[in-house]
Amino acid sequence: MIRILARAVLSLLANAVALVVAALLLSKVRCRSASVGSSSPSWCSP
């Protein structure tokens, strides 16, 4: 029972990390595409 719970928790953590990484990558891509324009957004980190 403990092993099943541990696997579920680890899988949830892995999914959360993957979502965070994907969100960061998307924000960087959006920032680059926005920086090509006239002005870069304030939320864009250098």
PDB file of N, CA and C in Angstrom:
ATOM      1  N   MET A   1       0.840  -1.206   0.000  1.00  0.00           N
ATOM      2  CA  MET A   1       0.000   0.000   0.000  1.00  0.00           C
ATOM      3  C   MET A   1       0.876   1.257   0.000  1.00  0.00           C
ATOM      4  N   ILE A   2       1.911   1.252   0.825  1.00  0.00           N
ATOM      5  CA  ILE A   2       2.786   2.430   0.896  1.00  0.00           C
ATOM      6  C   ILE A   2       3.495   2.642  -0.442  1.00  0.00           C
ATOM      7  N   ARG A   3       3.897   1.538  -1.087  1.00  0.00           N
ATOM      8  CA  ARG A   3       4.602   1.679  -2.362  1.00  0.00           C
ATOM      9  C   ARG A   3       3.687   2.299  -3.412  1.00  0.00           C
ATOM     10  N   ILE A   4       2.425   1.885  -3.413  1.00  0.00           N
ATOM     11  CA  ILE A   4       1.480   2.434  -4.388  1.00  0.00           C
ATOM     12  C   ILE A   4       1.309   3.939  -4.162  1.00  0.00           C
ATOM     13  N   LEU A   5       1.176   4.325  -2.897  1.00  0.00           N
ATOM     14  CA  LEU A   5       1.024   5.750  -2.592  1.00  0.00           C
ATOM     15  C   LEU A   5       2.287   6.508  -2.977  1.00  0.00           C
ATOM     16  N   ALA A   6       3.440   5.921  -2.703  1.00  0.00           N
ATOM     17  CA  ALA A   6       4.701   6.594  -3.038  1.00  0.00           C
ATOM     18  C   ALA A   6       4.802   6.783  -4.545  1.00  0.00           C
ATOM     19  N   ARG A   7       4.421   5.753  -5.309  1.00  0.00           N
ATOM     20  CA  ARG A   7       4.479   5.887  -6.773  1.00  0.00           C
ATOM     21  C   ARG A   7       3.531   6.966  -7.254  1.00  0.00           C
ATOM     22  N   ALA A   8       2.335   7.030  -6.660  1.00  0.00           N
ATOM     23  CA  ALA A   8       1.360   8.043  -7.068  1.00  0.00           C
ATOM     24  C   ALA A   8       1.894   9.441  -6.765  1.00  0.00           C
ATOM     25  N   VAL A   9       2.485   9.605  -5.580  1.00  0.00           N
ATOM     26  CA  VAL A   9       3.027  10.918  -5.212  1.00  0.00           C
ATOM     27  C   VAL A   9       4.172  11.301  -6.141  1.00  0.00           C
ATOM     28  N   LEU A  10       5.050  10.358  -6.432  1.00  0.00           N
ATOM     29  CA  LEU A  10       6.180  10.656  -7.316  1.00  0.00           C
ATOM     30  C   LEU A  10       5.692  11.016  -8.709  1.00  0.00           C
ATOM     31  N   SER A  11       4.688  10.309  -9.198  1.00  0.00           N
ATOM     32  CA  SER A  11       4.170  10.614 -10.533  1.00  0.00           C
ATOM     33  C   SER A  11       3.529  12.002 -10.551  1.00  0.00           C
ATOM     34  N   LEU A  12       2.816  12.349  -9.474  1.00  0.00           N
ATOM     35  CA  LEU A  12       2.206  13.681  -9.412  1.00  0.00           C
ATOM     36  C   LEU A  12       3.284  14.760  -9.372  1.00  0.00           C
ATOM     37  N   LEU A  13       4.341  14.518  -8.608  1.00  0.00           N
ATOM     38  CA  LEU A  13       5.425  15.501  -8.538  1.00  0.00           C
ATOM     39  C   LEU A  13       6.097  15.646  -9.903  1.00  0.00           C
ATOM     40  N   ALA A  14       6.316  14.536 -10.581  1.00  0.00           N
ATOM     41  CA  ALA A  14       6.949  14.595 -11.899  1.00  0.00           C
ATOM     42  C   ALA A  14       6.076  15.374 -12.871  1.00  0.00           C
ATOM     43  N   ASN A  15       4.761  15.139 -12.815  1.00  0.00           N
ATOM     44  CA  ASN A  15       3.850  15.876 -13.702  1.00  0.00           C
ATOM     45  C   ASN A  15       3.874  17.365 -13.374  1.00  0.00           C
ATOM     46  N   ALA A  16       3.901  17.703 -12.101  1.00  0.00           N
ATOM     47  CA  ALA A  16       3.932  19.115 -11.705  1.00  0.00           C
ATOM     48  C   ALA A  16       5.213  19.777 -12.207  1.00  0.00           C
ATOM     49  N   VAL A  17       6.343  19.097 -12.047  1.00  0.00           N
ATOM     50  CA  VAL A  17       7.622  19.654 -12.509  1.00  0.00           C
ATOM     51  C   VAL A  17       7.592  19.838 -14.025  1.00  0.00           C
ATOM     52  N   ALA A  18       7.050  18.860 -14.734  1.00  0.00           N
ATOM     53  CA  ALA A  18       6.974  18.960 -16.191  1.00  0.00           C
ATOM     54  C   ALA A  18       6.104  20.144 -16.604  1.00  0.00           C
ATOM     55  N   LEU A  19       4.994  20.347 -15.886  1.00  0.00           N
ATOM     56  CA  LEU A  19       4.115  21.475 -16.216  1.00  0.00           C
ATOM     57  C   LEU A  19       4.821  22.804 -15.962  1.00  0.00           C
ATOM     58  N   VAL A  20       5.542  22.895 -14.849  1.00  0.00           N
ATOM     59  CA  VAL A  20       6.262  24.137 -14.539  1.00  0.00           C
ATOM     60  C   VAL A  20       7.322  24.416 -15.595  1.00  0.00           C
ATOM     61  N   VAL A  21       8.078  23.383 -15.980  1.00  0.00           N
ATOM     62  CA  VAL A  21       9.126  23.561 -16.993  1.00  0.00           C
ATOM     63  C   VAL A  21       8.503  23.989 -18.312  1.00  0.00           C
ATOM     64  N   ALA A  22       7.392  23.343 -18.687  1.00  0.00           N
ATOM     65  CA  ALA A  22       6.729  23.708 -19.946  1.00  0.00           C
ATOM     66  C   ALA A  22       6.237  25.145 -19.887  1.00  0.00           C
ATOM     67  N   ALA A  23       5.690  25.556 -18.743  1.00  0.00           N
ATOM     68  CA  ALA A  23       5.196  26.936 -18.610  1.00  0.00           C
ATOM     69  C   ALA A  23       6.351  27.932 -18.732  1.00  0.00           C
ATOM     70  N   LEU A  24       7.487  27.608 -18.103  1.00  0.00           N
ATOM     71  CA  LEU A  24       8.636  28.511 -18.189  1.00  0.00           C
ATOM     72  C   LEU A  24       9.140  28.614 -19.621  1.00  0.00           C
ATOM     73  N   LEU A  25       9.198  27.480 -20.312  1.00  0.00           N
ATOM     74  CA  LEU A  25       9.660  27.504 -21.703  1.00  0.00           C
ATOM     75  C   LEU A  25       8.709  28.318 -22.562  1.00  0.00           C
ATOM     76  N   LEU A  26       7.400  28.134 -22.347  1.00  0.00           N
ATOM     77  CA  LEU A  26       6.422  28.898 -23.137  1.00  0.00           C
ATOM     78  C   LEU A  26       6.558  30.388 -22.855  1.00  0.00           C
ATOM     79  N   SER A  27       6.776  30.745 -21.600  1.00  0.00           N
ATOM     80  CA  SER A  27       6.915  32.168 -21.267  1.00  0.00           C
ATOM     81  C   SER A  27       8.162  32.746 -21.934  1.00  0.00           C
ATOM     82  N   LYS A  28       9.243  31.953 -21.989  1.00  0.00           N
ATOM     83  CA  LYS A  28      10.465  32.442 -22.633  1.00  0.00           C
ATOM     84  C   LYS A  28      10.227  32.631 -24.128  1.00  0.00           C
ATOM     85  N   VAL A  29       9.533  31.683 -24.743  1.00  0.00           N
ATOM     86  CA  VAL A  29       9.264  31.799 -26.180  1.00  0.00           C
ATOM     87  C   VAL A  29       8.383  33.009 -26.444  1.00  0.00           C
ATOM     88  N   ARG A  30       7.371  33.198 -25.606  1.00  0.00           N
ATOM     89  CA  ARG A  30       6.485  34.350 -25.790  1.00  0.00           C
ATOM     90  C   ARG A  30       7.273  35.638 -25.594  1.00  0.00           C
ATOM     91  N   CYS A  31       8.171  35.636 -24.624  1.00  0.00           N
ATOM     92  CA  CYS A  31       8.962  36.828 -24.357  1.00  0.00           C
ATOM     93  C   CYS A  31       9.826  37.151 -25.567  1.00  0.00           C
ATOM     94  N   ARG A  32      10.448  36.158 -26.157  1.00  0.00           N
ATOM     95  CA  ARG A  32      11.304  36.395 -27.318  1.00  0.00           C
ATOM     96  C   ARG A  32      10.478  36.909 -28.491  1.00  0.00           C
ATOM     97  N   SER A  33       9.322  36.304 -28.709  1.00  0.00           N
ATOM     98  CA  SER A  33       8.480  36.732 -29.823  1.00  0.00           C
ATOM     99  C   SER A  33       7.963  38.148 -29.581  1.00  0.00           C
ATOM    100  N   ALA A  34       7.710  38.492 -28.300  1.00  0.00           N
ATOM    101  CA  ALA A  34       7.215  39.830 -27.989  1.00  0.00           C
ATOM    102  C   ALA A  34       8.357  40.844 -28.088  1.00  0.00           C
ATOM    103  N   SER A  35       9.564  40.423 -27.713  1.00  0.00           N
ATOM    104  CA  SER A  35      10.697  41.352 -27.740  1.00  0.00           C
ATOM    105  C   SER A  35      11.035  41.745 -29.177  1.00  0.00           C
ATOM    106  N   VAL A  36      10.642  40.928 -30.142  1.00  0.00           N
ATOM    107  CA  VAL A  36      10.899  41.253 -31.541  1.00  0.00           C
ATOM    108  C   VAL A  36      10.122  42.505 -31.931  1.00  0.00           C
ATOM    109  N   GLY A  37       8.979  42.724 -31.245  1.00  0.00           N
ATOM    110  CA  GLY A  37       8.153  43.892 -31.543  1.00  0.00           C
ATOM    111  C   GLY A  37       8.784  45.181 -31.065  1.00  0.00           C
ATOM    112  N   SER A  38       7.978  46.219 -30.948  1.00  0.00           N
ATOM    113  CA  SER A  38       8.487  47.547 -30.579  1.00  0.00           C
ATOM    114  C   SER A  38       8.997  47.543 -29.139  1.00  0.00           C
ATOM    115  N   SER A  39       8.192  47.041 -28.195  1.00  0.00           N
ATOM    116  CA  SER A  39       8.602  47.076 -26.788  1.00  0.00           C
ATOM    117  C   SER A  39       8.376  45.714 -26.153  1.00  0.00           C
ATOM    118  N   SER A  40       9.228  45.348 -25.194  1.00  0.00           N
ATOM    119  CA  SER A  40       9.092  44.069 -24.504  1.00  0.00           C
ATOM    120  C   SER A  40       8.193  44.245 -23.297  1.00  0.00           C
ATOM    121  N   PRO A  41       7.370  43.270 -22.974  1.00  0.00           N
ATOM    122  CA  PRO A  41       6.467  43.370 -21.816  1.00  0.00           C
ATOM    123  C   PRO A  41       7.242  43.468 -20.513  1.00  0.00           C
ATOM    124  N   SER A  42       6.591  44.035 -19.496  1.00  0.00           N
ATOM    125  CA  SER A  42       7.260  44.236 -18.209  1.00  0.00           C
ATOM    126  C   SER A  42       7.494  42.907 -17.497  1.00  0.00           C
ATOM    127  N   TRP A  43       6.616  41.894 -17.740  1.00  0.00           N
ATOM    128  CA  TRP A  43       6.772  40.618 -17.032  1.00  0.00           C
ATOM    129  C   TRP A  43       7.898  39.780 -17.622  1.00  0.00           C
ATOM    130  N   CYS A  44       8.472  40.248 -18.727  1.00  0.00           N
ATOM    131  CA  CYS A  44       9.541  39.472 -19.370  1.00  0.00           C
ATOM    132  C   CYS A  44      10.832  39.632 -18.586  1.00  0.00           C
ATOM    133  N   SER A  45      11.398  38.524 -18.126  1.00  0.00           N
ATOM    134  CA  SER A  45      12.656  38.593 -17.381  1.00  0.00           C
ATOM    135  C   SER A  45      13.824  38.422 -18.343  1.00  0.00           C
ATOM    136  N   PRO A  46      14.868  39.210 -18.209  1.00  0.00           N
ATOM    137  CA  PRO A  46      16.013  39.151 -19.132  1.00  0.00           C
ATOM    138  C   PRO A  46      16.753  37.835 -19.046  1.00  0.00           C
TER     139      PRO A  46
END
